Amino acid sequence: WGDSWSRTVCNKLRAIKHTVAPWGTAIRE
């Protein structure tokens, strides 16, 4: 899945997130 995501083009999220691992800052109070 990570390799497939790294090959994704023309994607706004892909420009700032290079992996599919969860980000800790996504969890907010």
mmCIF file of all heavy atoms, coordinates in Angstrom:
data_MODEL
# 
_entry.id   MODEL 
# 
loop_
_atom_site.group_PDB 
_atom_site.id 
_atom_site.type_symbol 
_atom_site.label_atom_id 
_atom_site.label_alt_id 
_atom_site.label_comp_id 
_atom_site.label_asym_id 
_atom_site.label_entity_id 
_atom_site.label_seq_id 
_atom_site.pdbx_PDB_ins_code 
_atom_site.Cartn_x 
_atom_site.Cartn_y 
_atom_site.Cartn_z 
_atom_site.occupancy 
_atom_site.B_iso_or_equiv 
_atom_site.pdbx_formal_charge 
_atom_site.auth_seq_id 
_atom_site.auth_comp_id 
_atom_site.auth_asym_id 
_atom_site.auth_atom_id 
_atom_site.pdbx_PDB_model_num 
ATOM 1   N N   . TRP A 1 1  ? 0.839   -1.202 0.000   1.00 0.00 ? 1  TRP A N   1 
ATOM 2   C CA  . TRP A 1 1  ? 0.000   0.000  0.000   1.00 0.00 ? 1  TRP A CA  1 
ATOM 3   C C   . TRP A 1 1  ? 0.875   1.254  0.000   1.00 0.00 ? 1  TRP A C   1 
ATOM 4   O O   . TRP A 1 1  ? 0.607   2.222  -0.726  1.00 0.00 ? 1  TRP A O   1 
ATOM 5   C CB  . TRP A 1 1  ? -0.919  -0.028 1.223   1.00 0.00 ? 1  TRP A CB  1 
ATOM 6   C CG  . TRP A 1 1  ? -1.828  1.155  1.347   1.00 0.00 ? 1  TRP A CG  1 
ATOM 7   C CD1 . TRP A 1 1  ? -2.277  1.965  0.347   1.00 0.00 ? 1  TRP A CD1 1 
ATOM 8   C CD2 . TRP A 1 1  ? -2.398  1.661  2.562   1.00 0.00 ? 1  TRP A CD2 1 
ATOM 9   N NE1 . TRP A 1 1  ? -3.102  2.941  0.857   1.00 0.00 ? 1  TRP A NE1 1 
ATOM 10  C CE2 . TRP A 1 1  ? -3.195  2.782  2.209   1.00 0.00 ? 1  TRP A CE2 1 
ATOM 11  C CE3 . TRP A 1 1  ? -2.330  1.275  3.894   1.00 0.00 ? 1  TRP A CE3 1 
ATOM 12  C CZ2 . TRP A 1 1  ? -3.893  3.517  3.155   1.00 0.00 ? 1  TRP A CZ2 1 
ATOM 13  C CZ3 . TRP A 1 1  ? -3.033  2.005  4.838   1.00 0.00 ? 1  TRP A CZ3 1 
ATOM 14  C CH2 . TRP A 1 1  ? -3.807  3.112  4.467   1.00 0.00 ? 1  TRP A CH2 1 
ATOM 15  N N   . GLY A 1 2  ? 1.938   1.246  0.819   1.00 0.00 ? 2  GLY A N   1 
ATOM 16  C CA  . GLY A 1 2  ? 2.833   2.392  0.868   1.00 0.00 ? 2  GLY A CA  1 
ATOM 17  C C   . GLY A 1 2  ? 3.512   2.658  -0.467  1.00 0.00 ? 2  GLY A C   1 
ATOM 18  O O   . GLY A 1 2  ? 3.660   3.810  -0.886  1.00 0.00 ? 2  GLY A O   1 
ATOM 19  N N   . ASP A 1 3  ? 3.911   1.582  -1.157  1.00 0.00 ? 3  ASP A N   1 
ATOM 20  C CA  . ASP A 1 3  ? 4.536   1.751  -2.475  1.00 0.00 ? 3  ASP A CA  1 
ATOM 21  C C   . ASP A 1 3  ? 3.548   2.325  -3.480  1.00 0.00 ? 3  ASP A C   1 
ATOM 22  O O   . ASP A 1 3  ? 3.900   3.178  -4.308  1.00 0.00 ? 3  ASP A O   1 
ATOM 23  C CB  . ASP A 1 3  ? 5.060   0.405  -2.984  1.00 0.00 ? 3  ASP A CB  1 
ATOM 24  C CG  . ASP A 1 3  ? 6.233   -0.105 -2.151  1.00 0.00 ? 3  ASP A CG  1 
ATOM 25  O OD1 . ASP A 1 3  ? 6.849   0.715  -1.442  1.00 0.00 ? 3  ASP A OD1 1 
ATOM 26  O OD2 . ASP A 1 3  ? 6.502   -1.315 -2.193  1.00 0.00 ? 3  ASP A OD2 1 
ATOM 27  N N   . SER A 1 4  ? 2.294   1.847  -3.396  1.00 0.00 ? 4  SER A N   1 
ATOM 28  C CA  . SER A 1 4  ? 1.269   2.378  -4.295  1.00 0.00 ? 4  SER A CA  1 
ATOM 29  C C   . SER A 1 4  ? 1.007   3.858  -4.024  1.00 0.00 ? 4  SER A C   1 
ATOM 30  O O   . SER A 1 4  ? 0.841   4.658  -4.951  1.00 0.00 ? 4  SER A O   1 
ATOM 31  C CB  . SER A 1 4  ? -0.026  1.569  -4.135  1.00 0.00 ? 4  SER A CB  1 
ATOM 32  O OG  . SER A 1 4  ? -1.078  2.128  -4.886  1.00 0.00 ? 4  SER A OG  1 
ATOM 33  N N   . TRP A 1 5  ? 0.998   4.226  -2.746  1.00 0.00 ? 5  TRP A N   1 
ATOM 34  C CA  . TRP A 1 5  ? 0.765   5.625  -2.382  1.00 0.00 ? 5  TRP A CA  1 
ATOM 35  C C   . TRP A 1 5  ? 1.929   6.503  -2.834  1.00 0.00 ? 5  TRP A C   1 
ATOM 36  O O   . TRP A 1 5  ? 1.727   7.639  -3.285  1.00 0.00 ? 5  TRP A O   1 
ATOM 37  C CB  . TRP A 1 5  ? 0.569   5.734  -0.877  1.00 0.00 ? 5  TRP A CB  1 
ATOM 38  C CG  . TRP A 1 5  ? 0.463   7.135  -0.354  1.00 0.00 ? 5  TRP A CG  1 
ATOM 39  C CD1 . TRP A 1 5  ? 1.357   7.783  0.447   1.00 0.00 ? 5  TRP A CD1 1 
ATOM 40  C CD2 . TRP A 1 5  ? -0.599  8.061  -0.589  1.00 0.00 ? 5  TRP A CD2 1 
ATOM 41  N NE1 . TRP A 1 5  ? 0.922   9.057  0.724   1.00 0.00 ? 5  TRP A NE1 1 
ATOM 42  C CE2 . TRP A 1 5  ? -0.279  9.259  0.108   1.00 0.00 ? 5  TRP A CE2 1 
ATOM 43  C CE3 . TRP A 1 5  ? -1.780  8.009  -1.309  1.00 0.00 ? 5  TRP A CE3 1 
ATOM 44  C CZ2 . TRP A 1 5  ? -1.102  10.373 0.088   1.00 0.00 ? 5  TRP A CZ2 1 
ATOM 45  C CZ3 . TRP A 1 5  ? -2.614  9.126  -1.329  1.00 0.00 ? 5  TRP A CZ3 1 
ATOM 46  C CH2 . TRP A 1 5  ? -2.271  10.290 -0.635  1.00 0.00 ? 5  TRP A CH2 1 
ATOM 47  N N   . SER A 1 6  ? 3.151   5.999  -2.742  1.00 0.00 ? 6  SER A N   1 
ATOM 48  C CA  . SER A 1 6  ? 4.319   6.795  -3.147  1.00 0.00 ? 6  SER A CA  1 
ATOM 49  C C   . SER A 1 6  ? 4.328   7.066  -4.645  1.00 0.00 ? 6  SER A C   1 
ATOM 50  O O   . SER A 1 6  ? 4.955   8.029  -5.101  1.00 0.00 ? 6  SER A O   1 
ATOM 51  C CB  . SER A 1 6  ? 5.608   6.087  -2.730  1.00 0.00 ? 6  SER A CB  1 
ATOM 52  O OG  . SER A 1 6  ? 5.750   4.863  -3.432  1.00 0.00 ? 6  SER A OG  1 
ATOM 53  N N   . ARG A 1 7  ? 3.629   6.217  -5.415  1.00 0.00 ? 7  ARG A N   1 
ATOM 54  C CA  . ARG A 1 7  ? 3.568   6.426  -6.862  1.00 0.00 ? 7  ARG A CA  1 
ATOM 55  C C   . ARG A 1 7  ? 2.379   7.277  -7.286  1.00 0.00 ? 7  ARG A C   1 
ATOM 56  O O   . ARG A 1 7  ? 2.195   7.547  -8.481  1.00 0.00 ? 7  ARG A O   1 
ATOM 57  C CB  . ARG A 1 7  ? 3.504   5.066  -7.582  1.00 0.00 ? 7  ARG A CB  1 
ATOM 58  C CG  . ARG A 1 7  ? 4.773   4.225  -7.439  1.00 0.00 ? 7  ARG A CG  1 
ATOM 59  C CD  . ARG A 1 7  ? 4.734   3.030  -8.382  1.00 0.00 ? 7  ARG A CD  1 
ATOM 60  N NE  . ARG A 1 7  ? 3.609   2.155  -8.091  1.00 0.00 ? 7  ARG A NE  1 
ATOM 61  C CZ  . ARG A 1 7  ? 3.666   1.114  -7.273  1.00 0.00 ? 7  ARG A CZ  1 
ATOM 62  N NH1 . ARG A 1 7  ? 4.807   0.816  -6.647  1.00 0.00 ? 7  ARG A NH1 1 
ATOM 63  N NH2 . ARG A 1 7  ? 2.609   0.340  -7.056  1.00 0.00 ? 7  ARG A NH2 1 
ATOM 64  N N   . THR A 1 8  ? 1.565   7.699  -6.342  1.00 0.00 ? 8  THR A N   1 
ATOM 65  C CA  . THR A 1 8  ? 0.391   8.514  -6.658  1.00 0.00 ? 8  THR A CA  1 
ATOM 66  C C   . THR A 1 8  ? 0.826   9.903  -7.117  1.00 0.00 ? 8  THR A C   1 
ATOM 67  O O   . THR A 1 8  ? 1.700   10.536 -6.508  1.00 0.00 ? 8  THR A O   1 
ATOM 68  C CB  . THR A 1 8  ? -0.515  8.642  -5.420  1.00 0.00 ? 8  THR A CB  1 
ATOM 69  O OG1 . THR A 1 8  ? -0.901  7.338  -4.969  1.00 0.00 ? 8  THR A OG1 1 
ATOM 70  C CG2 . THR A 1 8  ? -1.770  9.444  -5.745  1.00 0.00 ? 8  THR A CG2 1 
ATOM 71  N N   . VAL A 1 9  ? 0.208   10.367 -8.170  1.00 0.00 ? 9  VAL A N   1 
ATOM 72  C CA  . VAL A 1 9  ? 0.542   11.691 -8.718  1.00 0.00 ? 9  VAL A CA  1 
ATOM 73  C C   . VAL A 1 9  ? -0.716  12.556 -8.732  1.00 0.00 ? 9  VAL A C   1 
ATOM 74  O O   . VAL A 1 9  ? -1.841  12.050 -8.626  1.00 0.00 ? 9  VAL A O   1 
ATOM 75  C CB  . VAL A 1 9  ? 1.122   11.570 -10.147 1.00 0.00 ? 9  VAL A CB  1 
ATOM 76  C CG1 . VAL A 1 9  ? 2.455   10.835 -10.107 1.00 0.00 ? 9  VAL A CG1 1 
ATOM 77  C CG2 . VAL A 1 9  ? 0.150   10.862 -11.078 1.00 0.00 ? 9  VAL A CG2 1 
ATOM 78  N N   . CYS A 1 10 ? -0.500  13.861 -8.859  1.00 0.00 ? 10 CYS A N   1 
ATOM 79  C CA  . CYS A 1 10 ? -1.614  14.827 -8.923  1.00 0.00 ? 10 CYS A CA  1 
ATOM 80  C C   . CYS A 1 10 ? -2.551  14.657 -7.727  1.00 0.00 ? 10 CYS A C   1 
ATOM 81  O O   . CYS A 1 10 ? -3.780  14.597 -7.879  1.00 0.00 ? 10 CYS A O   1 
ATOM 82  C CB  . CYS A 1 10 ? -2.389  14.687 -10.235 1.00 0.00 ? 10 CYS A CB  1 
ATOM 83  S SG  . CYS A 1 10 ? -1.394  14.962 -11.703 1.00 0.00 ? 10 CYS A SG  1 
ATOM 84  N N   . ASN A 1 11 ? -1.963  14.574 -6.544  1.00 0.00 ? 11 ASN A N   1 
ATOM 85  C CA  . ASN A 1 11 ? -2.748  14.403 -5.326  1.00 0.00 ? 11 ASN A CA  1 
ATOM 86  C C   . ASN A 1 11 ? -2.232  15.388 -4.289  1.00 0.00 ? 11 ASN A C   1 
ATOM 87  O O   . ASN A 1 11 ? -1.035  15.440 -4.005  1.00 0.00 ? 11 ASN A O   1 
ATOM 88  C CB  . ASN A 1 11 ? -2.625  12.960 -4.817  1.00 0.00 ? 11 ASN A CB  1 
ATOM 89  C CG  . ASN A 1 11 ? -3.503  12.701 -3.599  1.00 0.00 ? 11 ASN A CG  1 
ATOM 90  O OD1 . ASN A 1 11 ? -3.197  13.117 -2.495  1.00 0.00 ? 11 ASN A OD1 1 
ATOM 91  N ND2 . ASN A 1 11 ? -4.605  11.985 -3.827  1.00 0.00 ? 11 ASN A ND2 1 
ATOM 92  N N   . LYS A 1 12 ? -3.143  16.198 -3.740  1.00 0.00 ? 12 LYS A N   1 
ATOM 93  C CA  . LYS A 1 12 ? -2.744  17.259 -2.804  1.00 0.00 ? 12 LYS A CA  1 
ATOM 94  C C   . LYS A 1 12 ? -2.175  16.696 -1.511  1.00 0.00 ? 12 LYS A C   1 
ATOM 95  O O   . LYS A 1 12 ? -1.192  17.216 -0.968  1.00 0.00 ? 12 LYS A O   1 
ATOM 96  C CB  . LYS A 1 12 ? -3.954  18.158 -2.517  1.00 0.00 ? 12 LYS A CB  1 
ATOM 97  C CG  . LYS A 1 12 ? -4.497  18.892 -3.741  1.00 0.00 ? 12 LYS A CG  1 
ATOM 98  C CD  . LYS A 1 12 ? -5.690  19.749 -3.368  1.00 0.00 ? 12 LYS A CD  1 
ATOM 99  C CE  . LYS A 1 12 ? -6.217  20.529 -4.574  1.00 0.00 ? 12 LYS A CE  1 
ATOM 100 N NZ  . LYS A 1 12 ? -6.765  19.618 -5.615  1.00 0.00 ? 12 LYS A NZ  1 
ATOM 101 N N   . LEU A 1 13 ? -2.781  15.638 -0.968  1.00 0.00 ? 13 LEU A N   1 
ATOM 102 C CA  . LEU A 1 13 ? -2.267  15.064 0.274   1.00 0.00 ? 13 LEU A CA  1 
ATOM 103 C C   . LEU A 1 13 ? -0.903  14.423 0.058   1.00 0.00 ? 13 LEU A C   1 
ATOM 104 O O   . LEU A 1 13 ? -0.026  14.506 0.928   1.00 0.00 ? 13 LEU A O   1 
ATOM 105 C CB  . LEU A 1 13 ? -3.259  14.039 0.828   1.00 0.00 ? 13 LEU A CB  1 
ATOM 106 C CG  . LEU A 1 13 ? -2.834  13.313 2.110   1.00 0.00 ? 13 LEU A CG  1 
ATOM 107 C CD1 . LEU A 1 13 ? -2.694  14.304 3.265   1.00 0.00 ? 13 LEU A CD1 1 
ATOM 108 C CD2 . LEU A 1 13 ? -3.825  12.216 2.489   1.00 0.00 ? 13 LEU A CD2 1 
ATOM 109 N N   . ARG A 1 14 ? -0.714  13.773 -1.083  1.00 0.00 ? 14 ARG A N   1 
ATOM 110 C CA  . ARG A 1 14 ? 0.558   13.103 -1.362  1.00 0.00 ? 14 ARG A CA  1 
ATOM 111 C C   . ARG A 1 14 ? 1.723   14.095 -1.361  1.00 0.00 ? 14 ARG A C   1 
ATOM 112 O O   . ARG A 1 14 ? 2.858   13.737 -1.019  1.00 0.00 ? 14 ARG A O   1 
ATOM 113 C CB  . ARG A 1 14 ? 0.469   12.399 -2.720  1.00 0.00 ? 14 ARG A CB  1 
ATOM 114 C CG  . ARG A 1 14 ? 1.763   11.793 -3.232  1.00 0.00 ? 14 ARG A CG  1 
ATOM 115 C CD  . ARG A 1 14 ? 2.243   10.683 -2.329  1.00 0.00 ? 14 ARG A CD  1 
ATOM 116 N NE  . ARG A 1 14 ? 3.525   10.173 -2.780  1.00 0.00 ? 14 ARG A NE  1 
ATOM 117 C CZ  . ARG A 1 14 ? 4.703   10.705 -2.475  1.00 0.00 ? 14 ARG A CZ  1 
ATOM 118 N NH1 . ARG A 1 14 ? 4.761   11.776 -1.692  1.00 0.00 ? 14 ARG A NH1 1 
ATOM 119 N NH2 . ARG A 1 14 ? 5.826   10.169 -2.938  1.00 0.00 ? 14 ARG A NH2 1 
ATOM 120 N N   . ALA A 1 15 ? 1.452   15.360 -1.685  1.00 0.00 ? 15 ALA A N   1 
ATOM 121 C CA  . ALA A 1 15 ? 2.511   16.360 -1.720  1.00 0.00 ? 15 ALA A CA  1 
ATOM 122 C C   . ALA A 1 15 ? 3.051   16.674 -0.332  1.00 0.00 ? 15 ALA A C   1 
ATOM 123 O O   . ALA A 1 15 ? 4.192   17.132 -0.201  1.00 0.00 ? 15 ALA A O   1 
ATOM 124 C CB  . ALA A 1 15 ? 1.992   17.637 -2.385  1.00 0.00 ? 15 ALA A CB  1 
ATOM 125 N N   . ILE A 1 16 ? 2.258   16.411 0.710   1.00 0.00 ? 16 ILE A N   1 
ATOM 126 C CA  . ILE A 1 16 ? 2.715   16.733 2.066   1.00 0.00 ? 16 ILE A CA  1 
ATOM 127 C C   . ILE A 1 16 ? 2.874   15.492 2.937   1.00 0.00 ? 16 ILE A C   1 
ATOM 128 O O   . ILE A 1 16 ? 3.540   15.551 3.974   1.00 0.00 ? 16 ILE A O   1 
ATOM 129 C CB  . ILE A 1 16 ? 1.734   17.714 2.752   1.00 0.00 ? 16 ILE A CB  1 
ATOM 130 C CG1 . ILE A 1 16 ? 0.342   17.071 2.895   1.00 0.00 ? 16 ILE A CG1 1 
ATOM 131 C CG2 . ILE A 1 16 ? 1.644   19.024 2.003   1.00 0.00 ? 16 ILE A CG2 1 
ATOM 132 C CD1 . ILE A 1 16 ? -0.616  17.903 3.724   1.00 0.00 ? 16 ILE A CD1 1 
ATOM 133 N N   . LYS A 1 17 ? 2.272   14.374 2.536   1.00 0.00 ? 17 LYS A N   1 
ATOM 134 C CA  . LYS A 1 17 ? 2.380   13.145 3.328   1.00 0.00 ? 17 LYS A CA  1 
ATOM 135 C C   . LYS A 1 17 ? 2.904   12.035 2.434   1.00 0.00 ? 17 LYS A C   1 
ATOM 136 O O   . LYS A 1 17 ? 2.230   11.592 1.513   1.00 0.00 ? 17 LYS A O   1 
ATOM 137 C CB  . LYS A 1 17 ? 1.011   12.756 3.906   1.00 0.00 ? 17 LYS A CB  1 
ATOM 138 C CG  . LYS A 1 17 ? 1.078   11.581 4.873   1.00 0.00 ? 17 LYS A CG  1 
ATOM 139 C CD  . LYS A 1 17 ? -0.271  11.268 5.491   1.00 0.00 ? 17 LYS A CD  1 
ATOM 140 C CE  . LYS A 1 17 ? -0.134  10.172 6.525   1.00 0.00 ? 17 LYS A CE  1 
ATOM 141 N NZ  . LYS A 1 17 ? -1.431  9.764  7.114   1.00 0.00 ? 17 LYS A NZ  1 
ATOM 142 N N   . HIS A 1 18 ? 4.113   11.580 2.720   1.00 0.00 ? 18 HIS A N   1 
ATOM 143 C CA  . HIS A 1 18 ? 4.779   10.623 1.840   1.00 0.00 ? 18 HIS A CA  1 
ATOM 144 C C   . HIS A 1 18 ? 4.559   9.178  2.250   1.00 0.00 ? 18 HIS A C   1 
ATOM 145 O O   . HIS A 1 18 ? 4.965   8.275  1.522   1.00 0.00 ? 18 HIS A O   1 
ATOM 146 C CB  . HIS A 1 18 ? 6.278   10.921 1.798   1.00 0.00 ? 18 HIS A CB  1 
ATOM 147 C CG  . HIS A 1 18 ? 6.591   12.282 1.262   1.00 0.00 ? 18 HIS A CG  1 
ATOM 148 N ND1 . HIS A 1 18 ? 7.806   12.904 1.439   1.00 0.00 ? 18 HIS A ND1 1 
ATOM 149 C CD2 . HIS A 1 18 ? 5.828   13.152 0.540   1.00 0.00 ? 18 HIS A CD2 1 
ATOM 150 C CE1 . HIS A 1 18 ? 7.787   14.088 0.866   1.00 0.00 ? 18 HIS A CE1 1 
ATOM 151 N NE2 . HIS A 1 18 ? 6.597   14.268 0.312   1.00 0.00 ? 18 HIS A NE2 1 
ATOM 152 N N   . THR A 1 19 ? 3.965   8.939  3.421   1.00 0.00 ? 19 THR A N   1 
ATOM 153 C CA  . THR A 1 19 ? 3.708   7.578  3.889   1.00 0.00 ? 19 THR A CA  1 
ATOM 154 C C   . THR A 1 19 ? 2.243   7.444  4.258   1.00 0.00 ? 19 THR A C   1 
ATOM 155 O O   . THR A 1 19 ? 1.510   8.441  4.349   1.00 0.00 ? 19 THR A O   1 
ATOM 156 C CB  . THR A 1 19 ? 4.568   7.230  5.114   1.00 0.00 ? 19 THR A CB  1 
ATOM 157 O OG1 . THR A 1 19 ? 4.123   7.999  6.249   1.00 0.00 ? 19 THR A OG1 1 
ATOM 158 C CG2 . THR A 1 19 ? 6.042   7.534  4.853   1.00 0.00 ? 19 THR A CG2 1 
ATOM 159 N N   . VAL A 1 20 ? 1.826   6.194  4.507   1.00 0.00 ? 20 VAL A N   1 
ATOM 160 C CA  . VAL A 1 20 ? 0.442   5.951  4.932   1.00 0.00 ? 20 VAL A CA  1 
ATOM 161 C C   . VAL A 1 20 ? 0.362   5.732  6.440   1.00 0.00 ? 20 VAL A C   1 
ATOM 162 O O   . VAL A 1 20 ? -0.690  5.360  6.955   1.00 0.00 ? 20 VAL A O   1 
ATOM 163 C CB  . VAL A 1 20 ? -0.145  4.730  4.190   1.00 0.00 ? 20 VAL A CB  1 
ATOM 164 C CG1 . VAL A 1 20 ? -0.290  5.005  2.713   1.00 0.00 ? 20 VAL A CG1 1 
ATOM 165 C CG2 . VAL A 1 20 ? 0.705   3.476  4.430   1.00 0.00 ? 20 VAL A CG2 1 
ATOM 166 N N   . ALA A 1 21 ? 1.457   5.960  7.141   1.00 0.00 ? 21 ALA A N   1 
ATOM 167 C CA  . ALA A 1 21 ? 1.466   5.806  8.602   1.00 0.00 ? 21 ALA A CA  1 
ATOM 168 C C   . ALA A 1 21 ? 0.611   6.905  9.228   1.00 0.00 ? 21 ALA A C   1 
ATOM 169 O O   . ALA A 1 21 ? 0.519   8.018  8.702   1.00 0.00 ? 21 ALA A O   1 
ATOM 170 C CB  . ALA A 1 21 ? 2.892   5.873  9.124   1.00 0.00 ? 21 ALA A CB  1 
ATOM 171 N N   . PRO A 1 22 ? -0.016  6.625  10.371  1.00 0.00 ? 22 PRO A N   1 
ATOM 172 C CA  . PRO A 1 22 ? -0.862  7.650  11.015  1.00 0.00 ? 22 PRO A CA  1 
ATOM 173 C C   . PRO A 1 22 ? -0.026  8.798  11.563  1.00 0.00 ? 22 PRO A C   1 
ATOM 174 O O   . PRO A 1 22 ? 1.111   8.608  11.997  1.00 0.00 ? 22 PRO A O   1 
ATOM 175 C CB  . PRO A 1 22 ? -1.562  6.868  12.143  1.00 0.00 ? 22 PRO A CB  1 
ATOM 176 C CG  . PRO A 1 22 ? -0.664  5.701  12.413  1.00 0.00 ? 22 PRO A CG  1 
ATOM 177 C CD  . PRO A 1 22 ? -0.036  5.345  11.111  1.00 0.00 ? 22 PRO A CD  1 
ATOM 178 N N   . TRP A 1 23 ? -0.592  9.984  11.533  1.00 0.00 ? 23 TRP A N   1 
ATOM 179 C CA  . TRP A 1 23 ? 0.054   11.170 12.091  1.00 0.00 ? 23 TRP A CA  1 
ATOM 180 C C   . TRP A 1 23 ? -0.546  11.476 13.453  1.00 0.00 ? 23 TRP A C   1 
ATOM 181 O O   . TRP A 1 23 ? -1.776  11.510 13.615  1.00 0.00 ? 23 TRP A O   1 
ATOM 182 C CB  . TRP A 1 23 ? -0.138  12.367 11.150  1.00 0.00 ? 23 TRP A CB  1 
ATOM 183 C CG  . TRP A 1 23 ? 0.907   12.434 10.084  1.00 0.00 ? 23 TRP A CG  1 
ATOM 184 C CD1 . TRP A 1 23 ? 1.973   11.603 9.936   1.00 0.00 ? 23 TRP A CD1 1 
ATOM 185 C CD2 . TRP A 1 23 ? 0.991   13.393 9.027   1.00 0.00 ? 23 TRP A CD2 1 
ATOM 186 N NE1 . TRP A 1 23 ? 2.720   11.981 8.848   1.00 0.00 ? 23 TRP A NE1 1 
ATOM 187 C CE2 . TRP A 1 23 ? 2.153   13.076 8.267   1.00 0.00 ? 23 TRP A CE2 1 
ATOM 188 C CE3 . TRP A 1 23 ? 0.219   14.475 8.639   1.00 0.00 ? 23 TRP A CE3 1 
ATOM 189 C CZ2 . TRP A 1 23 ? 2.544   13.807 7.160   1.00 0.00 ? 23 TRP A CZ2 1 
ATOM 190 C CZ3 . TRP A 1 23 ? 0.605   15.206 7.523   1.00 0.00 ? 23 TRP A CZ3 1 
ATOM 191 C CH2 . TRP A 1 23 ? 1.763   14.893 6.792   1.00 0.00 ? 23 TRP A CH2 1 
ATOM 192 N N   . GLY A 1 24 ? 0.327   11.722 14.434  1.00 0.00 ? 24 GLY A N   1 
ATOM 193 C CA  . GLY A 1 24 ? -0.148  12.003 15.785  1.00 0.00 ? 24 GLY A CA  1 
ATOM 194 C C   . GLY A 1 24 ? -0.944  13.287 15.884  1.00 0.00 ? 24 GLY A C   1 
ATOM 195 O O   . GLY A 1 24 ? -1.877  13.389 16.697  1.00 0.00 ? 24 GLY A O   1 
ATOM 196 N N   . THR A 1 25 ? -0.622  14.282 15.067  1.00 0.00 ? 25 THR A N   1 
ATOM 197 C CA  . THR A 1 25 ? -1.325  15.563 15.150  1.00 0.00 ? 25 THR A CA  1 
ATOM 198 C C   . THR A 1 25 ? -2.743  15.492 14.598  1.00 0.00 ? 25 THR A C   1 
ATOM 199 O O   . THR A 1 25 ? -3.514  16.434 14.765  1.00 0.00 ? 25 THR A O   1 
ATOM 200 C CB  . THR A 1 25 ? -0.543  16.635 14.374  1.00 0.00 ? 25 THR A CB  1 
ATOM 201 O OG1 . THR A 1 25 ? -0.287  16.161 13.043  1.00 0.00 ? 25 THR A OG1 1 
ATOM 202 C CG2 . THR A 1 25 ? 0.770   16.953 15.054  1.00 0.00 ? 25 THR A CG2 1 
ATOM 203 N N   . ALA A 1 26 ? -3.103  14.380 13.946  1.00 0.00 ? 26 ALA A N   1 
ATOM 204 C CA  . ALA A 1 26 ? -4.470  14.250 13.431  1.00 0.00 ? 26 ALA A CA  1 
ATOM 205 C C   . ALA A 1 26 ? -5.477  14.091 14.566  1.00 0.00 ? 26 ALA A C   1 
ATOM 206 O O   . ALA A 1 26 ? -6.665  14.359 14.386  1.00 0.00 ? 26 ALA A O   1 
ATOM 207 C CB  . ALA A 1 26 ? -4.564  13.055 12.480  1.00 0.00 ? 26 ALA A CB  1 
ATOM 208 N N   . ILE A 1 27 ? -5.013  13.654 15.732  1.00 0.00 ? 27 ILE A N   1 
ATOM 209 C CA  . ILE A 1 27 ? -5.886  13.484 16.899  1.00 0.00 ? 27 ILE A CA  1 
ATOM 210 C C   . ILE A 1 27 ? -5.864  14.784 17.683  1.00 0.00 ? 27 ILE A C   1 
ATOM 211 O O   . ILE A 1 27 ? -4.831  15.186 18.222  1.00 0.00 ? 27 ILE A O   1 
ATOM 212 C CB  . ILE A 1 27 ? -5.410  12.318 17.785  1.00 0.00 ? 27 ILE A CB  1 
ATOM 213 C CG1 . ILE A 1 27 ? -5.210  11.056 16.937  1.00 0.00 ? 27 ILE A CG1 1 
ATOM 214 C CG2 . ILE A 1 27 ? -6.398  12.073 18.907  1.00 0.00 ? 27 ILE A CG2 1 
ATOM 215 C CD1 . ILE A 1 27 ? -6.450  10.583 16.233  1.00 0.00 ? 27 ILE A CD1 1 
ATOM 216 N N   . ARG A 1 28 ? -7.008  15.459 17.759  1.00 0.00 ? 28 ARG A N   1 
ATOM 217 C CA  . ARG A 1 28 ? -7.114  16.742 18.447  1.00 0.00 ? 28 ARG A CA  1 
ATOM 218 C C   . ARG A 1 28 ? -8.101  16.630 19.605  1.00 0.00 ? 28 ARG A C   1 
ATOM 219 O O   . ARG A 1 28 ? -8.951  15.727 19.642  1.00 0.00 ? 28 ARG A O   1 
ATOM 220 C CB  . ARG A 1 28 ? -7.603  17.845 17.496  1.00 0.00 ? 28 ARG A CB  1 
ATOM 221 C CG  . ARG A 1 28 ? -6.981  17.867 16.108  1.00 0.00 ? 28 ARG A CG  1 
ATOM 222 C CD  . ARG A 1 28 ? -5.505  18.111 16.129  1.00 0.00 ? 28 ARG A CD  1 
ATOM 223 N NE  . ARG A 1 28 ? -5.156  19.364 16.790  1.00 0.00 ? 28 ARG A NE  1 
ATOM 224 C CZ  . ARG A 1 28 ? -3.896  19.714 17.080  1.00 0.00 ? 28 ARG A CZ  1 
ATOM 225 N NH1 . ARG A 1 28 ? -2.907  18.876 16.795  1.00 0.00 ? 28 ARG A NH1 1 
ATOM 226 N NH2 . ARG A 1 28 ? -3.646  20.862 17.658  1.00 0.00 ? 28 ARG A NH2 1 
ATOM 227 N N   . GLU A 1 29 ? -7.984  17.533 20.546  1.00 0.00 ? 29 GLU A N   1 
ATOM 228 C CA  . GLU A 1 29 ? -8.921  17.559 21.661  1.00 0.00 ? 29 GLU A CA  1 
ATOM 229 C C   . GLU A 1 29 ? -10.283 18.091 21.240  1.00 0.00 ? 29 GLU A C   1 
ATOM 230 O O   . GLU A 1 29 ? -11.288 17.850 21.909  1.00 0.00 ? 29 GLU A O   1 
ATOM 231 C CB  . GLU A 1 29 ? -8.360  18.412 22.801  1.00 0.00 ? 29 GLU A CB  1 
ATOM 232 C CG  . GLU A 1 29 ? -7.101  17.831 23.436  1.00 0.00 ? 29 GLU A CG  1 
ATOM 233 C CD  . GLU A 1 29 ? -6.610  18.674 24.590  1.00 0.00 ? 29 GLU A CD  1 
ATOM 234 O OE1 . GLU A 1 29 ? -7.246  19.724 24.867  1.00 0.00 ? 29 GLU A OE1 1 
ATOM 235 O OE2 . GLU A 1 29 ? -5.605  18.305 25.213  1.00 0.00 ? 29 GLU A OE2 1 
# 
